[in-house]
Amino acid sequence: MGQLQQFLPFLLMFVVIYFFMIRPQQKRAKNEREFESALKVGDKIITKSGIHGKISEIADSTVVIETMAGKLKMERSSISMELSATLNKKE
């Protein structure tokens, strides 16, 4: 019983870290993967670097976006889920 009481604070600390840090991060990563897989041609997006554009082509891990300056090929992971959502809510 004494050993259990000795390890109880460490166990509780791990549980708190899991629920407040690890689990939300996993949920966010899952949401971003779902967002990336739901992208389609014609979607208006904003990249994490702030580039605005519209998707013109989609490949496995890349997208081609059409901007005012021309077309750019980028990784899907470079598209910001939050910024694109706010852009689409405004319209």
C-alpha atoms as a PDB file:
ATOM      1  CA  MET A   1       0.000   0.000   0.000  1.00  0.00           C
ATOM      2  CA  GLY A   2       2.911   2.351   0.715  1.00  0.00           C
ATOM      3  CA  GLN A   3       4.313   1.923  -2.792  1.00  0.00           C
ATOM      4  CA  LEU A   4       0.955   2.785  -4.319  1.00  0.00           C
ATOM      5  CA  GLN A   5       0.791   6.013  -2.344  1.00  0.00           C
ATOM      6  CA  GLN A   6       4.318   6.809  -3.446  1.00  0.00           C
ATOM      7  CA  PHE A   7       3.437   6.507  -7.158  1.00  0.00           C
ATOM      8  CA  LEU A   8      -0.052   8.035  -6.936  1.00  0.00           C
ATOM      9  CA  PRO A   9       1.126  11.657  -7.490  1.00  0.00           C
ATOM     10  CA  PHE A  10       3.028  10.598 -10.635  1.00  0.00           C
ATOM     11  CA  LEU A  11       0.026   8.693 -11.909  1.00  0.00           C
ATOM     12  CA  LEU A  12      -2.280  11.646 -11.298  1.00  0.00           C
ATOM     13  CA  MET A  13       0.202  13.983 -12.985  1.00  0.00           C
ATOM     14  CA  PHE A  14       0.274  11.751 -16.070  1.00  0.00           C
ATOM     15  CA  VAL A  15      -3.541  11.650 -16.211  1.00  0.00           C
ATOM     16  CA  VAL A  16      -3.745  15.462 -15.984  1.00  0.00           C
ATOM     17  CA  ILE A  17      -1.084  15.894 -18.687  1.00  0.00           C
ATOM     18  CA  TYR A  18      -2.907  13.412 -20.924  1.00  0.00           C
ATOM     19  CA  PHE A  19      -6.297  15.123 -20.672  1.00  0.00           C
ATOM     20  CA  PHE A  20      -5.033  18.708 -20.875  1.00  0.00           C
ATOM     21  CA  MET A  21      -2.170  18.394 -23.365  1.00  0.00           C
ATOM     22  CA  ILE A  22      -1.910  15.130 -25.295  1.00  0.00           C
ATOM     23  CA  ARG A  23      -5.579  14.413 -26.027  1.00  0.00           C
ATOM     24  CA  PRO A  24      -6.453  17.915 -27.339  1.00  0.00           C
ATOM     25  CA  GLN A  25      -3.379  17.835 -29.565  1.00  0.00           C
ATOM     26  CA  GLN A  26      -4.418  14.464 -31.016  1.00  0.00           C
ATOM     27  CA  LYS A  27      -7.949  15.761 -31.609  1.00  0.00           C
ATOM     28  CA  ARG A  28      -6.610  18.860 -33.371  1.00  0.00           C
ATOM     29  CA  ALA A  29      -4.338  16.745 -35.594  1.00  0.00           C
ATOM     30  CA  LYS A  30      -7.302  14.525 -36.515  1.00  0.00           C
ATOM     31  CA  ASN A  31      -9.404  17.590 -37.411  1.00  0.00           C
ATOM     32  CA  GLU A  32      -6.598  18.943 -39.614  1.00  0.00           C
ATOM     33  CA  ARG A  33      -6.258  15.597 -41.432  1.00  0.00           C
ATOM     34  CA  GLU A  34     -10.024  15.557 -42.052  1.00  0.00           C
ATOM     35  CA  PHE A  35      -9.882  19.160 -43.306  1.00  0.00           C
ATOM     36  CA  GLU A  36      -7.022  18.333 -45.702  1.00  0.00           C
ATOM     37  CA  SER A  37      -8.825  15.288 -47.091  1.00  0.00           C
ATOM     38  CA  ALA A  38     -12.074  17.269 -47.567  1.00  0.00           C
ATOM     39  CA  LEU A  39     -10.449  19.927 -49.760  1.00  0.00           C
ATOM     40  CA  LYS A  40     -11.869  20.118 -53.272  1.00  0.00           C
ATOM     41  CA  VAL A  41     -11.308  22.075 -56.459  1.00  0.00           C
ATOM     42  CA  GLY A  42     -12.804  25.562 -56.221  1.00  0.00           C
ATOM     43  CA  ASP A  43     -12.367  25.973 -52.443  1.00  0.00           C
ATOM     44  CA  LYS A  44     -11.067  29.364 -51.378  1.00  0.00           C
ATOM     45  CA  ILE A  45      -8.205  28.946 -48.927  1.00  0.00           C
ATOM     46  CA  ILE A  46      -5.517  30.811 -47.008  1.00  0.00           C
ATOM     47  CA  THR A  47      -2.132  29.188 -46.453  1.00  0.00           C
ATOM     48  CA  LYS A  48      -0.285  29.263 -43.146  1.00  0.00           C
ATOM     49  CA  SER A  49       2.039  31.851 -44.684  1.00  0.00           C
ATOM     50  CA  GLY A  50      -0.911  34.105 -45.535  1.00  0.00           C
ATOM     51  CA  ILE A  51      -1.334  33.496 -49.268  1.00  0.00           C
ATOM     52  CA  HIS A  52      -4.952  33.726 -50.457  1.00  0.00           C
ATOM     53  CA  GLY A  53      -6.094  31.613 -53.373  1.00  0.00           C
ATOM     54  CA  LYS A  54      -8.493  29.127 -54.877  1.00  0.00           C
ATOM     55  CA  ILE A  55      -7.703  25.449 -55.384  1.00  0.00           C
ATOM     56  CA  SER A  56      -7.413  24.587 -59.072  1.00  0.00           C
ATOM     57  CA  GLU A  57      -5.865  21.088 -58.915  1.00  0.00           C
ATOM     58  CA  ILE A  58      -5.502  18.417 -56.241  1.00  0.00           C
ATOM     59  CA  ALA A  59      -2.966  15.578 -56.082  1.00  0.00           C
ATOM     60  CA  ASP A  60      -2.207  13.070 -53.304  1.00  0.00           C
ATOM     61  CA  SER A  61      -0.249  15.360 -50.996  1.00  0.00           C
ATOM     62  CA  THR A  62      -0.147  18.595 -52.972  1.00  0.00           C
ATOM     63  CA  VAL A  63      -2.553  21.204 -54.294  1.00  0.00           C
ATOM     64  CA  VAL A  64      -2.211  23.833 -56.991  1.00  0.00           C
ATOM     65  CA  ILE A  65      -3.719  27.123 -55.933  1.00  0.00           C
ATOM     66  CA  GLU A  66      -4.589  29.989 -58.213  1.00  0.00           C
ATOM     67  CA  THR A  67      -3.606  33.402 -56.862  1.00  0.00           C
ATOM     68  CA  MET A  68      -3.547  36.900 -58.293  1.00  0.00           C
ATOM     69  CA  ALA A  69       0.123  36.328 -59.203  1.00  0.00           C
ATOM     70  CA  GLY A  70      -0.452  32.984 -60.939  1.00  0.00           C
ATOM     71  CA  LYS A  71      -0.530  29.341 -59.938  1.00  0.00           C
ATOM     72  CA  LEU A  72       1.441  27.867 -57.036  1.00  0.00           C
ATOM     73  CA  LYS A  73       1.989  24.234 -56.123  1.00  0.00           C
ATOM     74  CA  MET A  74       1.925  23.656 -52.351  1.00  0.00           C
ATOM     75  CA  GLU A  75       1.646  20.865 -49.828  1.00  0.00           C
ATOM     76  CA  ARG A  76      -1.834  20.230 -48.442  1.00  0.00           C
ATOM     77  CA  SER A  77      -0.457  20.605 -44.931  1.00  0.00           C
ATOM     78  CA  SER A  78       0.471  24.234 -45.656  1.00  0.00           C
ATOM     79  CA  ILE A  79      -3.212  25.234 -45.817  1.00  0.00           C
ATOM     80  CA  SER A  80      -4.483  26.829 -42.629  1.00  0.00           C
ATOM     81  CA  MET A  81      -7.693  25.271 -41.361  1.00  0.00           C
ATOM     82  CA  GLU A  82      -8.563  28.211 -39.077  1.00  0.00           C
ATOM     83  CA  LEU A  83      -7.822  31.015 -41.549  1.00  0.00           C
ATOM     84  CA  SER A  84      -9.640  29.242 -44.377  1.00  0.00           C
ATOM     85  CA  ALA A  85     -12.675  28.673 -42.134  1.00  0.00           C
ATOM     86  CA  THR A  86     -12.862  32.375 -41.223  1.00  0.00           C
ATOM     87  CA  LEU A  87     -12.465  33.334 -44.886  1.00  0.00           C
ATOM     88  CA  ASN A  88     -15.361  31.085 -45.901  1.00  0.00           C
ATOM     89  CA  LYS A  89     -17.566  32.299 -43.022  1.00  0.00           C
ATOM     90  CA  LYS A  90     -17.198  35.936 -44.152  1.00  0.00           C
ATOM     91  CA  GLU A  91     -18.580  35.106 -47.606  1.00  0.00           C
END
